[in-house]
Amino acid sequence: MVVSGPSGVGKDSVLEGVFQLDPSLSYSVSYTTRKARAGEVDGVDYSFVSDEEFDRLVAEGELLEWANVHGHRSGTGRRRIEEALEAGRDIVLNLDVQGGMSVRKLVPDALLIFLAPPSIEELRRRLAARATEDPEEIARRQADAEVEMGYSDQYDAVVVNDDLDRAAREVLDLIQERRRRDSA
């Protein structure tokens, strides 16, 4: 299962709520070449790697998908996904739209959920309020967000994050609906 949406939409917060509601779900920790933000933990939030290590992962086919995102590279470890699925666990990937579209091509039956902001203005406010990027990076992410919003119609469902608890519940409802359909 993939959850995508523009930077600042609240993917991490919504997914935290989803995992609290259903601890049986597994989270795919992505590799990234960007620097850790305050409070992020290597191996929990992301696996922070050097450009050289990322190049090695790509060259050895260790990534299911990867993309250039906001001036750095991020990707999903193939082995991490395979191990979770082999163990019978449902796994959720938090990906940008490039990653979501890559997964759609590789795994056509994957459930793709697009997390949307209530408005572009609210998204801008959230990006500025989190204070994790400099003004230049915020401007880049805002421009990217407008492009990313155009991909929402290529997802199986769109959830508007105007209320964190409701959005988490709606995402989990979509996951549970897919589980029921797949087990029928």
N, C-alpha and C. Protein backbone atom coordinates (compact mmCIF):
# COMPACT_ATOMS: atom_id res chain seq x y z
N MET A 1 0.84 -1.16 0.00
CA MET A 1 0.00 0.00 0.00
C MET A 1 0.89 1.23 0.00
N VAL A 2 0.49 2.22 -0.78
CA VAL A 2 1.29 3.44 -0.92
C VAL A 2 0.44 4.63 -0.50
N VAL A 3 1.04 5.50 0.31
CA VAL A 3 0.42 6.79 0.63
C VAL A 3 1.35 7.86 0.09
N SER A 4 0.81 8.71 -0.78
CA SER A 4 1.58 9.80 -1.38
C SER A 4 0.83 11.10 -1.16
N GLY A 5 1.54 12.16 -1.41
CA GLY A 5 0.95 13.49 -1.34
C GLY A 5 2.06 14.51 -1.32
N PRO A 6 1.72 15.76 -1.50
CA PRO A 6 2.75 16.79 -1.53
C PRO A 6 3.42 16.99 -0.17
N SER A 7 4.62 17.51 -0.21
CA SER A 7 5.37 17.81 1.00
C SER A 7 4.56 18.76 1.87
N GLY A 8 4.44 18.43 3.15
CA GLY A 8 3.72 19.29 4.08
C GLY A 8 2.26 18.92 4.26
N VAL A 9 1.77 17.91 3.53
CA VAL A 9 0.36 17.55 3.62
C VAL A 9 0.06 16.78 4.91
N GLY A 10 1.08 16.23 5.55
CA GLY A 10 0.87 15.51 6.80
C GLY A 10 0.92 14.00 6.68
N LYS A 11 1.66 13.50 5.68
CA LYS A 11 1.74 12.05 5.49
C LYS A 11 2.24 11.34 6.74
N ASP A 12 3.33 11.84 7.32
CA ASP A 12 3.89 11.19 8.51
C ASP A 12 2.89 11.20 9.66
N SER A 13 2.22 12.31 9.87
CA SER A 13 1.26 12.42 10.98
C SER A 13 0.06 11.50 10.77
N VAL A 14 -0.48 11.47 9.55
CA VAL A 14 -1.62 10.60 9.27
C VAL A 14 -1.20 9.14 9.43
N LEU A 15 -0.03 8.78 8.89
CA LEU A 15 0.41 7.39 9.00
C LEU A 15 0.68 7.00 10.45
N GLU A 16 1.17 7.91 11.24
CA GLU A 16 1.35 7.63 12.67
C GLU A 16 0.01 7.24 13.28
N GLY A 17 -1.05 7.97 12.92
CA GLY A 17 -2.38 7.64 13.40
C GLY A 17 -2.86 6.29 12.90
N VAL A 18 -2.57 5.99 11.63
CA VAL A 18 -2.97 4.70 11.05
C VAL A 18 -2.28 3.56 11.81
N PHE A 19 -0.99 3.70 12.09
CA PHE A 19 -0.25 2.64 12.78
C PHE A 19 -0.69 2.50 14.23
N GLN A 20 -1.15 3.57 14.85
CA GLN A 20 -1.70 3.46 16.21
C GLN A 20 -3.02 2.69 16.18
N LEU A 21 -3.81 2.93 15.15
CA LEU A 21 -5.09 2.23 15.01
C LEU A 21 -4.91 0.76 14.64
N ASP A 22 -3.87 0.46 13.88
CA ASP A 22 -3.62 -0.92 13.43
C ASP A 22 -2.13 -1.24 13.48
N PRO A 23 -1.65 -1.66 14.65
CA PRO A 23 -0.22 -1.96 14.81
C PRO A 23 0.27 -3.16 13.99
N SER A 24 -0.65 -3.91 13.37
CA SER A 24 -0.21 -5.05 12.56
C SER A 24 0.39 -4.62 11.23
N LEU A 25 0.17 -3.37 10.84
CA LEU A 25 0.76 -2.87 9.60
C LEU A 25 2.25 -2.63 9.77
N SER A 26 2.99 -2.86 8.71
CA SER A 26 4.43 -2.58 8.72
C SER A 26 4.69 -1.31 7.93
N TYR A 27 5.72 -0.57 8.34
CA TYR A 27 6.10 0.66 7.67
C TYR A 27 7.39 0.42 6.91
N SER A 28 7.43 0.83 5.67
CA SER A 28 8.63 0.71 4.86
C SER A 28 9.51 1.93 5.11
N VAL A 29 10.67 1.72 5.68
CA VAL A 29 11.62 2.80 5.93
C VAL A 29 12.43 3.02 4.64
N SER A 30 12.28 4.20 4.05
CA SER A 30 12.95 4.52 2.79
C SER A 30 14.40 4.92 3.02
N TYR A 31 15.21 4.72 2.00
CA TYR A 31 16.57 5.25 1.97
C TYR A 31 16.50 6.68 1.45
N THR A 32 17.33 7.55 1.96
CA THR A 32 17.40 8.92 1.44
C THR A 32 18.81 9.48 1.58
N THR A 33 19.14 10.36 0.65
CA THR A 33 20.44 11.04 0.71
C THR A 33 20.34 12.40 1.39
N ARG A 34 19.13 12.81 1.78
CA ARG A 34 19.02 14.11 2.44
C ARG A 34 19.48 14.00 3.89
N LYS A 35 19.79 15.12 4.46
CA LYS A 35 20.20 15.17 5.87
C LYS A 35 18.98 14.98 6.76
N ALA A 36 19.20 14.39 7.91
CA ALA A 36 18.11 14.18 8.86
C ALA A 36 17.63 15.52 9.42
N ARG A 37 16.32 15.62 9.59
CA ARG A 37 15.74 16.78 10.26
C ARG A 37 15.81 16.55 11.76
N ALA A 38 15.65 17.61 12.51
CA ALA A 38 15.64 17.51 13.97
C ALA A 38 14.59 16.49 14.40
N GLY A 39 15.00 15.55 15.24
CA GLY A 39 14.08 14.55 15.77
C GLY A 39 13.97 13.29 14.94
N GLU A 40 14.47 13.29 13.71
CA GLU A 40 14.41 12.09 12.89
C GLU A 40 15.49 11.11 13.34
N VAL A 41 15.14 9.82 13.30
CA VAL A 41 16.04 8.77 13.76
C VAL A 41 16.39 7.87 12.58
N ASP A 42 17.70 7.67 12.37
CA ASP A 42 18.16 6.79 11.30
C ASP A 42 17.64 5.38 11.53
N GLY A 43 17.08 4.78 10.49
CA GLY A 43 16.55 3.44 10.58
C GLY A 43 15.11 3.38 11.07
N VAL A 44 14.58 4.50 11.55
CA VAL A 44 13.19 4.57 12.00
C VAL A 44 12.39 5.43 11.04
N ASP A 45 12.84 6.67 10.86
CA ASP A 45 12.15 7.59 9.95
C ASP A 45 12.61 7.34 8.51
N TYR A 46 13.89 7.25 8.34
CA TYR A 46 14.54 6.97 7.06
C TYR A 46 15.85 6.25 7.37
N SER A 47 16.41 5.63 6.34
CA SER A 47 17.80 5.17 6.40
C SER A 47 18.58 6.24 5.66
N PHE A 48 19.34 7.04 6.40
CA PHE A 48 20.10 8.13 5.81
C PHE A 48 21.42 7.58 5.28
N VAL A 49 21.64 7.75 3.99
CA VAL A 49 22.84 7.21 3.35
C VAL A 49 23.53 8.28 2.53
N SER A 50 24.80 8.04 2.25
CA SER A 50 25.58 8.95 1.40
C SER A 50 25.18 8.76 -0.06
N ASP A 51 25.59 9.69 -0.90
CA ASP A 51 25.35 9.55 -2.34
C ASP A 51 26.02 8.28 -2.86
N GLU A 52 27.21 7.98 -2.35
CA GLU A 52 27.94 6.79 -2.81
C GLU A 52 27.19 5.52 -2.43
N GLU A 53 26.66 5.46 -1.21
CA GLU A 53 25.91 4.29 -0.78
C GLU A 53 24.62 4.15 -1.60
N PHE A 54 23.97 5.26 -1.89
CA PHE A 54 22.76 5.23 -2.70
C PHE A 54 23.08 4.71 -4.10
N ASP A 55 24.19 5.19 -4.67
CA ASP A 55 24.63 4.70 -5.98
C ASP A 55 24.82 3.19 -5.97
N ARG A 56 25.40 2.67 -4.89
CA ARG A 56 25.62 1.23 -4.77
C ARG A 56 24.28 0.49 -4.72
N LEU A 57 23.33 1.00 -3.93
CA LEU A 57 22.01 0.37 -3.84
C LEU A 57 21.33 0.31 -5.21
N VAL A 58 21.44 1.38 -5.97
CA VAL A 58 20.85 1.42 -7.32
C VAL A 58 21.56 0.41 -8.22
N ALA A 59 22.89 0.45 -8.23
CA ALA A 59 23.68 -0.41 -9.12
C ALA A 59 23.43 -1.89 -8.84
N GLU A 60 23.22 -2.25 -7.57
CA GLU A 60 23.03 -3.65 -7.20
C GLU A 60 21.57 -4.09 -7.25
N GLY A 61 20.68 -3.21 -7.71
CA GLY A 61 19.28 -3.57 -7.84
C GLY A 61 18.57 -3.73 -6.50
N GLU A 62 19.08 -3.07 -5.48
CA GLU A 62 18.52 -3.21 -4.14
C GLU A 62 17.28 -2.35 -3.91
N LEU A 63 16.96 -1.47 -4.86
CA LEU A 63 15.82 -0.57 -4.67
C LEU A 63 14.66 -0.97 -5.58
N LEU A 64 13.48 -1.07 -5.00
CA LEU A 64 12.27 -1.34 -5.77
C LEU A 64 11.98 -0.15 -6.68
N GLU A 65 12.14 1.04 -6.13
CA GLU A 65 11.95 2.28 -6.88
C GLU A 65 12.81 3.34 -6.23
N TRP A 66 13.13 4.36 -7.00
CA TRP A 66 13.84 5.51 -6.44
C TRP A 66 13.62 6.71 -7.34
N ALA A 67 13.82 7.89 -6.77
CA ALA A 67 13.60 9.11 -7.55
C ALA A 67 14.40 10.26 -6.94
N ASN A 68 14.61 11.27 -7.75
CA ASN A 68 15.15 12.54 -7.27
C ASN A 68 13.97 13.32 -6.71
N VAL A 69 14.08 13.71 -5.45
CA VAL A 69 12.97 14.36 -4.76
C VAL A 69 13.47 15.60 -4.03
N HIS A 70 13.02 16.77 -4.44
CA HIS A 70 13.36 18.02 -3.75
C HIS A 70 14.88 18.18 -3.57
N GLY A 71 15.65 17.80 -4.58
CA GLY A 71 17.09 18.02 -4.53
C GLY A 71 17.90 16.92 -3.88
N HIS A 72 17.27 15.80 -3.54
CA HIS A 72 18.00 14.64 -3.01
C HIS A 72 17.36 13.39 -3.61
N ARG A 73 17.92 12.23 -3.30
CA ARG A 73 17.36 10.98 -3.80
C ARG A 73 16.77 10.17 -2.65
N SER A 74 15.66 9.51 -2.95
CA SER A 74 15.01 8.62 -1.99
C SER A 74 14.58 7.37 -2.72
N GLY A 75 14.56 6.24 -2.00
CA GLY A 75 14.15 5.00 -2.62
C GLY A 75 13.68 3.96 -1.62
N THR A 76 12.99 2.95 -2.13
CA THR A 76 12.41 1.88 -1.32
C THR A 76 13.26 0.63 -1.46
N GLY A 77 13.70 0.10 -0.34
CA GLY A 77 14.50 -1.12 -0.34
C GLY A 77 13.68 -2.33 -0.75
N ARG A 78 14.09 -2.98 -1.81
CA ARG A 78 13.39 -4.15 -2.33
C ARG A 78 13.32 -5.27 -1.29
N ARG A 79 14.42 -5.54 -0.64
CA ARG A 79 14.49 -6.64 0.33
C ARG A 79 13.54 -6.40 1.50
N ARG A 80 13.42 -5.15 1.95
CA ARG A 80 12.54 -4.83 3.07
C ARG A 80 11.08 -5.15 2.72
N ILE A 81 10.70 -4.84 1.51
CA ILE A 81 9.33 -5.11 1.07
C ILE A 81 9.11 -6.61 0.95
N GLU A 82 10.03 -7.31 0.31
CA GLU A 82 9.90 -8.74 0.11
C GLU A 82 9.82 -9.48 1.45
N GLU A 83 10.65 -9.09 2.42
CA GLU A 83 10.64 -9.75 3.72
C GLU A 83 9.31 -9.57 4.44
N ALA A 84 8.76 -8.37 4.39
CA ALA A 84 7.46 -8.11 5.03
C ALA A 84 6.36 -8.94 4.38
N LEU A 85 6.34 -8.95 3.05
CA LEU A 85 5.30 -9.69 2.34
C LEU A 85 5.43 -11.19 2.56
N GLU A 86 6.68 -11.70 2.56
CA GLU A 86 6.90 -13.13 2.81
C GLU A 86 6.45 -13.53 4.20
N ALA A 87 6.54 -12.59 5.15
CA ALA A 87 6.10 -12.86 6.53
C ALA A 87 4.59 -12.68 6.68
N GLY A 88 3.91 -12.34 5.58
CA GLY A 88 2.47 -12.18 5.61
C GLY A 88 2.00 -10.85 6.20
N ARG A 89 2.90 -9.87 6.26
CA ARG A 89 2.54 -8.56 6.81
C ARG A 89 2.18 -7.60 5.69
N ASP A 90 1.16 -6.81 5.92
CA ASP A 90 0.83 -5.72 5.00
C ASP A 90 1.81 -4.59 5.27
N ILE A 91 2.34 -4.01 4.20
CA ILE A 91 3.35 -2.97 4.35
C ILE A 91 2.88 -1.70 3.67
N VAL A 92 3.13 -0.58 4.34
CA VAL A 92 2.72 0.73 3.85
C VAL A 92 3.96 1.53 3.49
N LEU A 93 3.96 2.08 2.29
CA LEU A 93 5.06 2.91 1.81
C LEU A 93 4.60 4.36 1.79
N ASN A 94 5.42 5.24 2.32
CA ASN A 94 5.19 6.68 2.29
C ASN A 94 6.08 7.22 1.19
N LEU A 95 5.47 7.49 0.01
CA LEU A 95 6.27 7.85 -1.16
C LEU A 95 5.78 9.15 -1.78
N ASP A 96 6.70 9.83 -2.45
CA ASP A 96 6.29 10.96 -3.27
C ASP A 96 5.56 10.41 -4.49
N VAL A 97 4.98 11.29 -5.31
CA VAL A 97 4.19 10.81 -6.44
C VAL A 97 5.03 10.07 -7.47
N GLN A 98 6.29 10.44 -7.63
CA GLN A 98 7.16 9.70 -8.56
C GLN A 98 7.26 8.25 -8.12
N GLY A 99 7.48 8.05 -6.82
CA GLY A 99 7.57 6.70 -6.27
C GLY A 99 6.25 5.96 -6.40
N GLY A 100 5.16 6.66 -6.13
CA GLY A 100 3.85 6.04 -6.27
C GLY A 100 3.59 5.55 -7.68
N MET A 101 3.95 6.36 -8.66
CA MET A 101 3.75 5.97 -10.06
C MET A 101 4.67 4.81 -10.44
N SER A 102 5.88 4.78 -9.87
CA SER A 102 6.78 3.65 -10.13
C SER A 102 6.20 2.37 -9.55
N VAL A 103 5.67 2.44 -8.34
CA VAL A 103 5.07 1.25 -7.73
C VAL A 103 3.86 0.81 -8.55
N ARG A 104 3.07 1.75 -9.04
CA ARG A 104 1.89 1.41 -9.85
C ARG A 104 2.31 0.57 -11.06
N LYS A 105 3.45 0.92 -11.69
CA LYS A 105 3.93 0.17 -12.86
C LYS A 105 4.46 -1.21 -12.46
N LEU A 106 5.17 -1.27 -11.33
CA LEU A 106 5.78 -2.52 -10.89
C LEU A 106 4.80 -3.48 -10.22
N VAL A 107 3.84 -2.92 -9.49
CA VAL A 107 2.87 -3.72 -8.74
C VAL A 107 1.48 -3.13 -9.03
N PRO A 108 0.91 -3.46 -10.19
CA PRO A 108 -0.34 -2.83 -10.61
C PRO A 108 -1.50 -2.97 -9.63
N ASP A 109 -1.50 -4.03 -8.81
CA ASP A 109 -2.61 -4.22 -7.87
C ASP A 109 -2.35 -3.59 -6.50
N ALA A 110 -1.26 -2.85 -6.35
CA ALA A 110 -1.00 -2.15 -5.09
C ALA A 110 -2.09 -1.10 -4.87
N LEU A 111 -2.43 -0.87 -3.62
CA LEU A 111 -3.39 0.17 -3.26
C LEU A 111 -2.64 1.48 -3.12
N LEU A 112 -3.03 2.47 -3.94
CA LEU A 112 -2.40 3.79 -3.89
C LEU A 112 -3.39 4.81 -3.37
N ILE A 113 -3.02 5.48 -2.27
CA ILE A 113 -3.87 6.49 -1.64
C ILE A 113 -3.15 7.82 -1.72
N PHE A 114 -3.83 8.83 -2.23
CA PHE A 114 -3.27 10.17 -2.33
C PHE A 114 -3.82 11.01 -1.17
N LEU A 115 -2.91 11.58 -0.40
CA LEU A 115 -3.28 12.45 0.71
C LEU A 115 -3.21 13.89 0.23
N ALA A 116 -4.35 14.57 0.27
CA ALA A 116 -4.43 15.94 -0.26
C ALA A 116 -4.66 16.94 0.87
N PRO A 117 -4.18 18.17 0.68
CA PRO A 117 -4.46 19.21 1.66
C PRO A 117 -5.87 19.76 1.43
N PRO A 118 -6.44 20.42 2.43
CA PRO A 118 -7.75 21.03 2.22
C PRO A 118 -7.69 22.14 1.17
N SER A 119 -6.52 22.78 1.03
CA SER A 119 -6.32 23.83 0.02
C SER A 119 -4.82 24.04 -0.16
N ILE A 120 -4.45 24.65 -1.27
CA ILE A 120 -3.04 24.98 -1.51
C ILE A 120 -2.57 26.00 -0.48
N GLU A 121 -3.43 26.92 -0.10
CA GLU A 121 -3.07 27.92 0.91
C GLU A 121 -2.73 27.26 2.24
N GLU A 122 -3.53 26.26 2.63
CA GLU A 122 -3.26 25.55 3.88
C GLU A 122 -1.96 24.77 3.78
N LEU A 123 -1.68 24.19 2.62
CA LEU A 123 -0.43 23.47 2.43
C LEU A 123 0.75 24.43 2.59
N ARG A 124 0.67 25.60 2.00
CA ARG A 124 1.75 26.60 2.15
C ARG A 124 1.95 26.96 3.62
N ARG A 125 0.84 27.14 4.33
CA ARG A 125 0.92 27.49 5.75
C ARG A 125 1.62 26.37 6.53
N ARG A 126 1.27 25.12 6.26
CA ARG A 126 1.87 23.98 6.96
C ARG A 126 3.37 23.87 6.67
N LEU A 127 3.75 24.07 5.42
CA LEU A 127 5.17 24.02 5.07
C LEU A 127 5.96 25.07 5.83
N ALA A 128 5.44 26.28 5.88
CA ALA A 128 6.14 27.37 6.57
C ALA A 128 6.16 27.11 8.08
N ALA A 129 5.06 26.58 8.63
CA ALA A 129 4.95 26.39 10.07
C ALA A 129 5.88 25.31 10.61
N ARG A 130 6.19 24.30 9.80
CA ARG A 130 7.03 23.23 10.34
C ARG A 130 8.48 23.65 10.50
N ALA A 131 8.87 24.72 9.82
CA ALA A 131 10.19 25.34 10.01
C ALA A 131 11.36 24.35 9.94
N THR A 132 11.28 23.41 8.99
CA THR A 132 12.38 22.44 8.82
C THR A 132 13.20 22.73 7.58
N GLU A 133 12.74 23.68 6.75
CA GLU A 133 13.46 24.02 5.53
C GLU A 133 13.67 25.53 5.46
N ASP A 134 14.69 25.91 4.70
CA ASP A 134 14.93 27.35 4.50
C ASP A 134 13.93 27.87 3.45
N PRO A 135 13.81 29.19 3.30
CA PRO A 135 12.81 29.75 2.38
C PRO A 135 12.95 29.24 0.94
N GLU A 136 14.17 29.03 0.48
CA GLU A 136 14.38 28.52 -0.88
C GLU A 136 13.80 27.11 -1.01
N GLU A 137 14.04 26.27 -0.02
CA GLU A 137 13.53 24.90 -0.04
C GLU A 137 12.01 24.90 0.06
N ILE A 138 11.44 25.78 0.87
CA ILE A 138 9.98 25.87 0.98
C ILE A 138 9.39 26.24 -0.38
N ALA A 139 10.00 27.21 -1.06
CA ALA A 139 9.50 27.63 -2.37
C ALA A 139 9.56 26.47 -3.37
N ARG A 140 10.64 25.68 -3.33
CA ARG A 140 10.77 24.53 -4.23
C ARG A 140 9.67 23.51 -3.92
N ARG A 141 9.45 23.24 -2.65
CA ARG A 141 8.43 22.26 -2.27
C ARG A 141 7.03 22.74 -2.63
N GLN A 142 6.77 24.04 -2.51
CA GLN A 142 5.46 24.57 -2.90
C GLN A 142 5.24 24.41 -4.40
N ALA A 143 6.26 24.71 -5.19
CA ALA A 143 6.14 24.54 -6.64
C ALA A 143 5.94 23.07 -7.00
N ASP A 144 6.70 22.20 -6.35
CA ASP A 144 6.54 20.76 -6.59
C ASP A 144 5.14 20.29 -6.20
N ALA A 145 4.60 20.84 -5.12
CA ALA A 145 3.27 20.42 -4.64
C ALA A 145 2.20 20.66 -5.68
N GLU A 146 2.29 21.77 -6.37
CA GLU A 146 1.27 22.07 -7.37
C GLU A 146 1.32 21.05 -8.52
N VAL A 147 2.52 20.61 -8.89
CA VAL A 147 2.66 19.56 -9.91
C VAL A 147 2.14 18.23 -9.35
N GLU A 148 2.53 17.90 -8.11
CA GLU A 148 2.14 16.62 -7.51
C GLU A 148 0.62 16.49 -7.38
N MET A 149 -0.06 17.58 -7.09
CA MET A 149 -1.51 17.54 -6.96
C MET A 149 -2.17 17.04 -8.25
N GLY A 150 -1.53 17.28 -9.37
CA GLY A 150 -2.06 16.83 -10.65
C GLY A 150 -2.06 15.32 -10.83
N TYR A 151 -1.37 14.59 -9.97
CA TYR A 151 -1.32 13.13 -10.06
C TYR A 151 -2.42 12.45 -9.26
N SER A 152 -3.18 13.19 -8.49
CA SER A 152 -4.15 12.58 -7.58
C SER A 152 -5.15 11.68 -8.30
N ASP A 153 -5.50 12.01 -9.54
CA ASP A 153 -6.48 11.20 -10.26
C ASP A 153 -5.92 9.85 -10.72
N GLN A 154 -4.62 9.63 -10.55
CA GLN A 154 -4.01 8.35 -10.91
C GLN A 154 -3.93 7.41 -9.71
N TYR A 155 -4.48 7.83 -8.58
CA TYR A 155 -4.48 7.03 -7.35
C TYR A 155 -5.85 6.37 -7.19
N ASP A 156 -5.88 5.31 -6.41
CA ASP A 156 -7.13 4.59 -6.19
C ASP A 156 -8.12 5.39 -5.34
N ALA A 157 -7.60 6.22 -4.46
CA ALA A 157 -8.45 7.02 -3.58
C ALA A 157 -7.71 8.29 -3.19
N VAL A 158 -8.48 9.33 -2.90
CA VAL A 158 -7.94 10.59 -2.40
C VAL A 158 -8.55 10.84 -1.03
N VAL A 159 -7.70 11.10 -0.05
CA VAL A 159 -8.13 11.43 1.30
C VAL A 159 -7.67 12.85 1.59
N VAL A 160 -8.59 13.71 1.97
CA VAL A 160 -8.25 15.09 2.31
C VAL A 160 -7.87 15.15 3.79
N ASN A 161 -6.68 15.67 4.06
CA ASN A 161 -6.22 15.78 5.44
C ASN A 161 -6.61 17.14 6.02
N ASP A 162 -7.90 17.25 6.35
CA ASP A 162 -8.38 18.46 7.01
C ASP A 162 -8.62 18.21 8.49
N ASP A 163 -8.62 16.94 8.88
CA ASP A 163 -8.74 16.53 10.28
C ASP A 163 -7.90 15.26 10.42
N LEU A 164 -6.86 15.34 11.24
CA LEU A 164 -5.87 14.26 11.34
C LEU A 164 -6.51 12.92 11.70
N ASP A 165 -7.33 12.88 12.74
CA ASP A 165 -7.94 11.62 13.18
C ASP A 165 -8.86 11.04 12.11
N ARG A 166 -9.66 11.89 11.48
CA ARG A 166 -10.57 11.42 10.44
C ARG A 166 -9.79 10.90 9.24
N ALA A 167 -8.72 11.61 8.85
CA ALA A 167 -7.91 11.18 7.70
C ALA A 167 -7.24 9.83 7.99
N ALA A 168 -6.71 9.65 9.19
CA ALA A 168 -6.08 8.38 9.55
C ALA A 168 -7.10 7.25 9.49
N ARG A 169 -8.29 7.50 10.02
CA ARG A 169 -9.35 6.49 10.01
C ARG A 169 -9.75 6.15 8.58
N GLU A 170 -9.85 7.17 7.72
CA GLU A 170 -10.25 6.94 6.33
C GLU A 170 -9.18 6.12 5.59
N VAL A 171 -7.92 6.44 5.82
CA VAL A 171 -6.84 5.65 5.20
C VAL A 171 -6.92 4.20 5.67
N LEU A 172 -7.10 4.01 6.97
CA LEU A 172 -7.19 2.64 7.49
C LEU A 172 -8.43 1.93 6.93
N ASP A 173 -9.55 2.63 6.80
CA ASP A 173 -10.74 2.02 6.21
C ASP A 173 -10.46 1.53 4.79
N LEU A 174 -9.72 2.32 4.01
CA LEU A 174 -9.36 1.91 2.65
C LEU A 174 -8.47 0.67 2.66
N ILE A 175 -7.52 0.63 3.59
CA ILE A 175 -6.64 -0.54 3.72
C ILE A 175 -7.45 -1.77 4.10
N GLN A 176 -8.34 -1.61 5.08
CA GLN A 176 -9.15 -2.76 5.52
C GLN A 176 -10.09 -3.24 4.42
N GLU A 177 -10.63 -2.31 3.65
CA GLU A 177 -11.48 -2.68 2.52
C GLU A 177 -10.69 -3.51 1.52
N ARG A 178 -9.45 -3.11 1.23
CA ARG A 178 -8.60 -3.87 0.32
C ARG A 178 -8.29 -5.24 0.90
N ARG A 179 -8.02 -5.32 2.19
CA ARG A 179 -7.74 -6.61 2.82
C ARG A 179 -8.94 -7.55 2.65
N ARG A 180 -10.14 -7.03 2.89
CA ARG A 180 -11.35 -7.85 2.75
C ARG A 180 -11.51 -8.34 1.33
N ARG A 181 -11.29 -7.45 0.38
CA ARG A 181 -11.43 -7.83 -1.02
C ARG A 181 -10.40 -8.89 -1.42
N ASP A 182 -9.15 -8.70 -0.95
CA ASP A 182 -8.09 -9.65 -1.30
C ASP A 182 -8.29 -11.02 -0.66
N SER A 183 -8.95 -11.06 0.51
CA SER A 183 -9.14 -12.35 1.19
C SER A 183 -10.40 -13.06 0.73
N ALA A 184 -11.24 -12.38 -0.03
CA ALA A 184 -12.51 -12.99 -0.48
C ALA A 184 -12.28 -13.98 -1.61
